[in-house]
């Protein structure tokens, strides 16, 4: 990748987190729940809440997410967790409680992790 900046890396990480949230949940294979079919009247069908449309990620989004996940291999496990949670826009205050560091130190570690990624892909 040529001419990528730290801000673009942050944006790509945020979009990877969003794409990960759009992926369908992982379910155990081979188990089924069999229920009896319920027959509704036409009036009941009209009064039912409409199902929301589930948005699924495109193949391009999944490819970009995979690329971002490869970038994270450079980092230590706790740095990966920090970068990923920050990409999910978790507030600094919550992260500082979780990691046991002051917000300013945590921000410094976050910036160092982004620089490690930048060095890897540059």
N, C-alpha and C. Protein backbone atom coordinates (compact mmCIF):
# COMPACT_ATOMS: atom_id res chain seq x y z
N UNK A 1 0.84 -1.17 0.00
CA UNK A 1 0.00 0.00 0.00
C UNK A 1 0.89 1.24 0.00
N UNK A 2 0.62 2.09 -0.90
CA UNK A 2 1.40 3.31 -1.00
C UNK A 2 0.59 4.49 -0.48
N UNK A 3 1.27 5.41 0.17
CA UNK A 3 0.67 6.66 0.62
C UNK A 3 -0.54 6.45 1.52
N UNK A 4 -0.39 5.66 2.55
CA UNK A 4 -1.47 5.50 3.53
C UNK A 4 -1.07 6.26 4.79
N UNK A 5 -2.02 6.88 5.42
CA UNK A 5 -1.75 7.67 6.62
C UNK A 5 -2.32 6.96 7.85
N UNK A 6 -1.96 7.49 9.01
CA UNK A 6 -2.45 6.94 10.28
C UNK A 6 -3.97 7.09 10.35
N UNK A 7 -4.50 8.23 9.88
CA UNK A 7 -5.95 8.43 9.90
C UNK A 7 -6.67 7.42 9.01
N UNK A 8 -6.08 7.09 7.88
CA UNK A 8 -6.68 6.08 7.00
C UNK A 8 -6.64 4.70 7.67
N UNK A 9 -5.58 4.42 8.41
CA UNK A 9 -5.50 3.16 9.14
C UNK A 9 -6.61 3.10 10.19
N UNK A 10 -6.81 4.20 10.92
CA UNK A 10 -7.89 4.25 11.91
C UNK A 10 -9.24 4.01 11.25
N UNK A 11 -9.47 4.65 10.11
CA UNK A 11 -10.75 4.48 9.41
C UNK A 11 -10.95 3.04 8.94
N UNK A 12 -9.86 2.42 8.45
CA UNK A 12 -9.96 1.03 7.99
C UNK A 12 -10.26 0.09 9.15
N UNK A 13 -9.66 0.37 10.32
CA UNK A 13 -9.92 -0.46 11.50
C UNK A 13 -11.37 -0.30 11.94
N UNK A 14 -11.88 0.93 11.93
CA UNK A 14 -13.28 1.17 12.30
C UNK A 14 -14.22 0.45 11.34
N UNK A 15 -13.93 0.50 10.05
CA UNK A 15 -14.80 -0.18 9.09
C UNK A 15 -14.70 -1.70 9.24
N UNK A 16 -13.52 -2.21 9.65
CA UNK A 16 -13.38 -3.65 9.88
C UNK A 16 -14.21 -4.09 11.08
N UNK A 17 -14.23 -3.28 12.12
CA UNK A 17 -15.05 -3.59 13.30
C UNK A 17 -16.52 -3.60 12.91
N UNK A 18 -16.93 -2.61 12.12
CA UNK A 18 -18.33 -2.54 11.67
C UNK A 18 -18.67 -3.76 10.81
N UNK A 19 -17.78 -4.15 9.92
CA UNK A 19 -18.01 -5.31 9.06
C UNK A 19 -18.12 -6.57 9.90
N UNK A 20 -17.29 -6.70 10.93
CA UNK A 20 -17.34 -7.87 11.80
C UNK A 20 -18.70 -7.96 12.50
N UNK A 21 -19.26 -6.81 12.86
CA UNK A 21 -20.57 -6.80 13.51
C UNK A 21 -21.69 -7.22 12.54
N UNK A 22 -21.49 -6.99 11.25
CA UNK A 22 -22.50 -7.35 10.26
C UNK A 22 -22.50 -8.83 9.90
N UNK A 23 -21.42 -9.53 10.20
CA UNK A 23 -21.34 -10.95 9.86
C UNK A 23 -22.38 -11.74 10.66
N UNK A 24 -22.93 -12.80 10.06
CA UNK A 24 -23.92 -13.61 10.79
C UNK A 24 -23.27 -14.33 11.96
N UNK A 25 -24.05 -14.64 12.99
CA UNK A 25 -23.48 -15.32 14.16
C UNK A 25 -23.06 -16.75 13.82
N UNK A 26 -22.10 -17.24 14.56
CA UNK A 26 -21.62 -18.61 14.37
C UNK A 26 -22.54 -19.51 15.18
N UNK A 27 -23.08 -20.54 14.53
CA UNK A 27 -23.99 -21.46 15.19
C UNK A 27 -23.42 -22.88 15.11
N UNK A 28 -23.79 -23.69 16.06
CA UNK A 28 -23.35 -25.09 16.06
C UNK A 28 -23.99 -25.82 14.89
N UNK A 29 -23.19 -26.58 14.17
CA UNK A 29 -23.67 -27.32 13.02
C UNK A 29 -24.36 -28.61 13.46
N UNK A 30 -25.40 -28.99 12.74
CA UNK A 30 -26.01 -30.29 12.94
C UNK A 30 -27.15 -30.33 13.93
N UNK A 31 -27.44 -29.24 14.61
CA UNK A 31 -28.54 -29.24 15.56
C UNK A 31 -29.69 -28.44 14.98
N UNK A 32 -30.88 -28.99 15.10
CA UNK A 32 -32.07 -28.30 14.61
C UNK A 32 -33.13 -28.31 15.67
N UNK A 33 -33.89 -27.27 15.67
CA UNK A 33 -35.03 -27.20 16.55
C UNK A 33 -36.26 -27.35 15.68
N UNK A 34 -37.02 -28.35 15.96
CA UNK A 34 -38.23 -28.57 15.16
C UNK A 34 -39.43 -28.07 15.94
N UNK A 35 -40.14 -27.16 15.35
CA UNK A 35 -41.34 -26.61 15.96
C UNK A 35 -42.52 -26.91 15.05
N UNK A 36 -43.66 -26.91 15.64
CA UNK A 36 -44.86 -27.05 14.84
C UNK A 36 -45.13 -25.74 14.11
N UNK A 37 -45.60 -25.85 12.88
CA UNK A 37 -45.94 -24.65 12.13
C UNK A 37 -47.21 -24.02 12.69
N UNK A 38 -47.15 -22.72 12.90
CA UNK A 38 -48.32 -22.00 13.40
C UNK A 38 -49.01 -21.38 12.20
N UNK A 39 -50.29 -21.59 12.12
CA UNK A 39 -51.06 -21.03 11.01
C UNK A 39 -51.74 -19.77 11.51
N UNK A 40 -51.39 -18.64 10.88
CA UNK A 40 -51.94 -17.35 11.27
C UNK A 40 -53.09 -16.96 10.35
N UNK A 41 -54.02 -16.20 10.88
CA UNK A 41 -55.09 -15.65 10.05
C UNK A 41 -54.56 -14.44 9.32
N UNK A 42 -55.29 -14.00 8.31
CA UNK A 42 -54.84 -12.83 7.54
C UNK A 42 -54.81 -11.58 8.42
N UNK A 43 -55.74 -11.47 9.36
CA UNK A 43 -55.76 -10.32 10.26
C UNK A 43 -54.52 -10.33 11.17
N UNK A 44 -54.13 -11.48 11.66
CA UNK A 44 -52.94 -11.57 12.50
C UNK A 44 -51.68 -11.22 11.70
N UNK A 45 -51.64 -11.63 10.45
CA UNK A 45 -50.49 -11.31 9.61
C UNK A 45 -50.36 -9.82 9.39
N UNK A 46 -51.47 -9.12 9.21
CA UNK A 46 -51.45 -7.68 8.99
C UNK A 46 -50.97 -6.95 10.24
N UNK A 47 -51.37 -7.44 11.41
CA UNK A 47 -51.04 -6.76 12.66
C UNK A 47 -49.64 -7.09 13.19
N UNK A 48 -48.97 -8.07 12.59
CA UNK A 48 -47.63 -8.44 13.05
C UNK A 48 -46.62 -7.35 12.72
N UNK A 49 -45.58 -7.29 13.56
CA UNK A 49 -44.47 -6.38 13.28
C UNK A 49 -43.70 -6.91 12.08
N UNK A 50 -43.29 -6.01 11.23
CA UNK A 50 -42.51 -6.40 10.06
C UNK A 50 -41.08 -6.73 10.49
N UNK A 51 -40.52 -7.75 9.89
CA UNK A 51 -39.13 -8.10 10.20
C UNK A 51 -38.21 -7.08 9.57
N UNK A 52 -37.18 -6.74 10.30
CA UNK A 52 -36.20 -5.80 9.77
C UNK A 52 -35.31 -6.52 8.77
N UNK A 53 -34.85 -5.78 7.80
CA UNK A 53 -33.95 -6.34 6.80
C UNK A 53 -32.55 -6.40 7.39
N UNK A 54 -31.94 -7.58 7.30
CA UNK A 54 -30.59 -7.74 7.84
C UNK A 54 -29.58 -7.34 6.77
N UNK A 55 -28.71 -6.43 7.14
CA UNK A 55 -27.67 -5.97 6.23
C UNK A 55 -26.48 -6.91 6.35
N UNK A 56 -26.01 -7.39 5.25
CA UNK A 56 -24.85 -8.28 5.22
C UNK A 56 -23.69 -7.56 4.55
N UNK A 57 -22.47 -7.83 5.00
CA UNK A 57 -21.32 -7.16 4.38
C UNK A 57 -21.05 -7.68 2.98
N UNK A 58 -20.49 -6.82 2.14
CA UNK A 58 -20.13 -7.21 0.78
C UNK A 58 -18.80 -7.95 0.81
N UNK A 59 -18.48 -8.61 -0.29
CA UNK A 59 -17.22 -9.34 -0.36
C UNK A 59 -16.03 -8.38 -0.26
N UNK A 60 -16.19 -7.18 -0.79
CA UNK A 60 -15.11 -6.18 -0.70
C UNK A 60 -14.86 -5.78 0.75
N UNK A 61 -15.94 -5.59 1.52
CA UNK A 61 -15.80 -5.24 2.93
C UNK A 61 -15.11 -6.37 3.70
N UNK A 62 -15.46 -7.60 3.39
CA UNK A 62 -14.86 -8.74 4.07
C UNK A 62 -13.38 -8.85 3.72
N UNK A 63 -13.04 -8.59 2.46
CA UNK A 63 -11.64 -8.62 2.05
C UNK A 63 -10.83 -7.56 2.79
N UNK A 64 -11.38 -6.35 2.90
CA UNK A 64 -10.69 -5.28 3.63
C UNK A 64 -10.56 -5.62 5.11
N UNK A 65 -11.59 -6.26 5.68
CA UNK A 65 -11.53 -6.66 7.07
C UNK A 65 -10.42 -7.69 7.29
N UNK A 66 -10.31 -8.65 6.37
CA UNK A 66 -9.25 -9.65 6.47
C UNK A 66 -7.87 -9.01 6.39
N UNK A 67 -7.74 -7.99 5.55
CA UNK A 67 -6.47 -7.28 5.44
C UNK A 67 -6.13 -6.58 6.75
N UNK A 68 -7.12 -5.95 7.37
CA UNK A 68 -6.89 -5.27 8.65
C UNK A 68 -6.52 -6.29 9.72
N UNK A 69 -7.15 -7.46 9.72
CA UNK A 69 -6.82 -8.49 10.70
C UNK A 69 -5.38 -8.97 10.53
N UNK A 70 -4.89 -8.99 9.30
CA UNK A 70 -3.49 -9.33 9.07
C UNK A 70 -2.56 -8.26 9.63
N UNK A 71 -2.99 -6.99 9.53
CA UNK A 71 -2.18 -5.91 10.09
C UNK A 71 -2.00 -6.09 11.60
N UNK A 72 -3.05 -6.56 12.26
CA UNK A 72 -3.03 -6.65 13.72
C UNK A 72 -2.09 -7.74 14.23
N UNK A 73 -1.62 -8.61 13.34
CA UNK A 73 -0.70 -9.67 13.77
C UNK A 73 0.63 -9.12 14.26
N UNK A 74 0.96 -7.91 13.87
CA UNK A 74 2.22 -7.27 14.29
C UNK A 74 2.17 -6.92 15.77
N UNK A 75 0.99 -6.69 16.30
CA UNK A 75 0.84 -6.17 17.66
C UNK A 75 0.82 -7.28 18.70
N UNK A 76 1.11 -6.88 19.93
CA UNK A 76 0.96 -7.78 21.08
C UNK A 76 -0.55 -8.01 21.29
N UNK A 77 -0.91 -9.11 21.96
CA UNK A 77 -2.35 -9.39 22.15
C UNK A 77 -3.12 -8.27 22.85
N UNK A 78 -2.53 -7.64 23.86
CA UNK A 78 -3.26 -6.58 24.55
C UNK A 78 -3.36 -5.33 23.67
N UNK A 79 -2.36 -5.11 22.80
CA UNK A 79 -2.43 -3.98 21.87
C UNK A 79 -3.51 -4.21 20.82
N UNK A 80 -3.63 -5.46 20.36
CA UNK A 80 -4.70 -5.79 19.40
C UNK A 80 -6.06 -5.50 20.00
N UNK A 81 -6.21 -5.92 21.25
CA UNK A 81 -7.48 -5.70 21.94
C UNK A 81 -7.77 -4.21 22.07
N UNK A 82 -6.76 -3.44 22.42
CA UNK A 82 -6.91 -2.00 22.55
C UNK A 82 -7.29 -1.36 21.23
N UNK A 83 -6.58 -1.70 20.16
CA UNK A 83 -6.84 -1.10 18.84
C UNK A 83 -8.22 -1.50 18.35
N UNK A 84 -8.60 -2.77 18.55
CA UNK A 84 -9.89 -3.23 18.07
C UNK A 84 -11.03 -2.56 18.83
N UNK A 85 -10.90 -2.46 20.15
CA UNK A 85 -11.95 -1.82 20.94
C UNK A 85 -12.03 -0.33 20.63
N UNK A 86 -10.90 0.29 20.41
CA UNK A 86 -10.91 1.70 20.06
C UNK A 86 -11.52 1.90 18.67
N UNK A 87 -11.31 0.92 17.78
CA UNK A 87 -11.96 0.96 16.47
C UNK A 87 -13.46 0.84 16.59
N UNK A 88 -13.92 0.19 17.65
CA UNK A 88 -15.35 0.09 17.92
C UNK A 88 -15.88 1.29 18.68
N UNK A 89 -15.04 2.30 18.83
CA UNK A 89 -15.38 3.57 19.48
C UNK A 89 -15.78 3.42 20.94
N UNK A 90 -15.10 2.50 21.62
CA UNK A 90 -15.28 2.37 23.06
C UNK A 90 -14.60 3.57 23.71
N UNK A 91 -15.28 4.27 24.62
CA UNK A 91 -14.68 5.47 25.23
C UNK A 91 -13.39 5.15 26.01
N UNK A 92 -12.51 6.15 26.05
CA UNK A 92 -11.23 6.00 26.73
C UNK A 92 -11.41 5.66 28.20
N UNK A 93 -12.42 6.23 28.82
CA UNK A 93 -12.62 6.01 30.25
C UNK A 93 -12.89 4.53 30.54
N UNK A 94 -13.72 3.90 29.73
CA UNK A 94 -14.01 2.48 29.90
C UNK A 94 -12.76 1.64 29.64
N UNK A 95 -12.01 2.01 28.61
CA UNK A 95 -10.78 1.28 28.29
C UNK A 95 -9.74 1.43 29.39
N UNK A 96 -9.69 2.62 30.00
CA UNK A 96 -8.70 2.82 31.05
C UNK A 96 -9.01 1.95 32.26
N UNK A 97 -10.29 1.74 32.57
CA UNK A 97 -10.66 0.82 33.65
C UNK A 97 -10.28 -0.61 33.28
N UNK A 98 -10.54 -0.98 32.04
CA UNK A 98 -10.28 -2.36 31.61
C UNK A 98 -8.79 -2.69 31.59
N UNK A 99 -7.98 -1.76 31.09
CA UNK A 99 -6.55 -2.03 30.96
C UNK A 99 -5.75 -1.60 32.20
N UNK A 100 -6.37 -0.88 33.11
CA UNK A 100 -5.68 -0.47 34.33
C UNK A 100 -4.63 0.60 34.11
N UNK A 101 -4.80 1.40 33.06
CA UNK A 101 -3.87 2.49 32.76
C UNK A 101 -4.62 3.81 32.70
N UNK A 102 -3.88 4.88 32.92
CA UNK A 102 -4.47 6.21 32.78
C UNK A 102 -4.77 6.47 31.32
N UNK A 103 -5.76 7.30 31.07
CA UNK A 103 -6.19 7.60 29.70
C UNK A 103 -5.06 8.11 28.82
N UNK A 104 -4.21 8.97 29.37
CA UNK A 104 -3.12 9.52 28.56
C UNK A 104 -2.09 8.44 28.20
N UNK A 105 -1.79 7.54 29.14
CA UNK A 105 -0.87 6.43 28.85
C UNK A 105 -1.48 5.47 27.83
N UNK A 106 -2.76 5.22 27.99
CA UNK A 106 -3.46 4.33 27.06
C UNK A 106 -3.48 4.92 25.66
N UNK A 107 -3.69 6.21 25.57
CA UNK A 107 -3.68 6.89 24.28
C UNK A 107 -2.29 6.80 23.64
N UNK A 108 -1.26 6.93 24.44
CA UNK A 108 0.11 6.83 23.94
C UNK A 108 0.39 5.43 23.40
N UNK A 109 -0.06 4.39 24.14
CA UNK A 109 0.11 3.01 23.67
C UNK A 109 -0.67 2.77 22.38
N UNK A 110 -1.84 3.36 22.30
CA UNK A 110 -2.67 3.23 21.09
C UNK A 110 -1.97 3.84 19.88
N UNK A 111 -1.41 5.02 20.07
CA UNK A 111 -0.68 5.67 18.97
C UNK A 111 0.55 4.86 18.56
N UNK A 112 1.25 4.29 19.53
CA UNK A 112 2.42 3.44 19.23
C UNK A 112 2.00 2.21 18.43
N UNK A 113 0.85 1.63 18.79
CA UNK A 113 0.35 0.46 18.07
C UNK A 113 0.01 0.82 16.64
N UNK A 114 -0.59 1.99 16.44
CA UNK A 114 -0.91 2.43 15.07
C UNK A 114 0.37 2.67 14.27
N UNK A 115 1.40 3.18 14.92
CA UNK A 115 2.67 3.39 14.23
C UNK A 115 3.30 2.05 13.84
N UNK A 116 3.18 1.03 14.72
CA UNK A 116 3.67 -0.30 14.36
C UNK A 116 2.98 -0.83 13.10
N UNK A 117 1.66 -0.63 13.04
CA UNK A 117 0.91 -1.05 11.86
C UNK A 117 1.36 -0.27 10.63
N UNK A 118 1.54 1.02 10.81
CA UNK A 118 1.98 1.88 9.69
C UNK A 118 3.32 1.42 9.15
N UNK A 119 4.26 1.09 10.05
CA UNK A 119 5.58 0.64 9.63
C UNK A 119 5.47 -0.69 8.88
N UNK A 120 4.58 -1.56 9.34
CA UNK A 120 4.43 -2.86 8.68
C UNK A 120 3.92 -2.72 7.25
N UNK A 121 2.94 -1.84 7.04
CA UNK A 121 2.32 -1.77 5.70
C UNK A 121 3.00 -0.76 4.79
N UNK A 122 3.85 0.08 5.34
CA UNK A 122 4.51 1.09 4.50
C UNK A 122 5.72 0.53 3.79
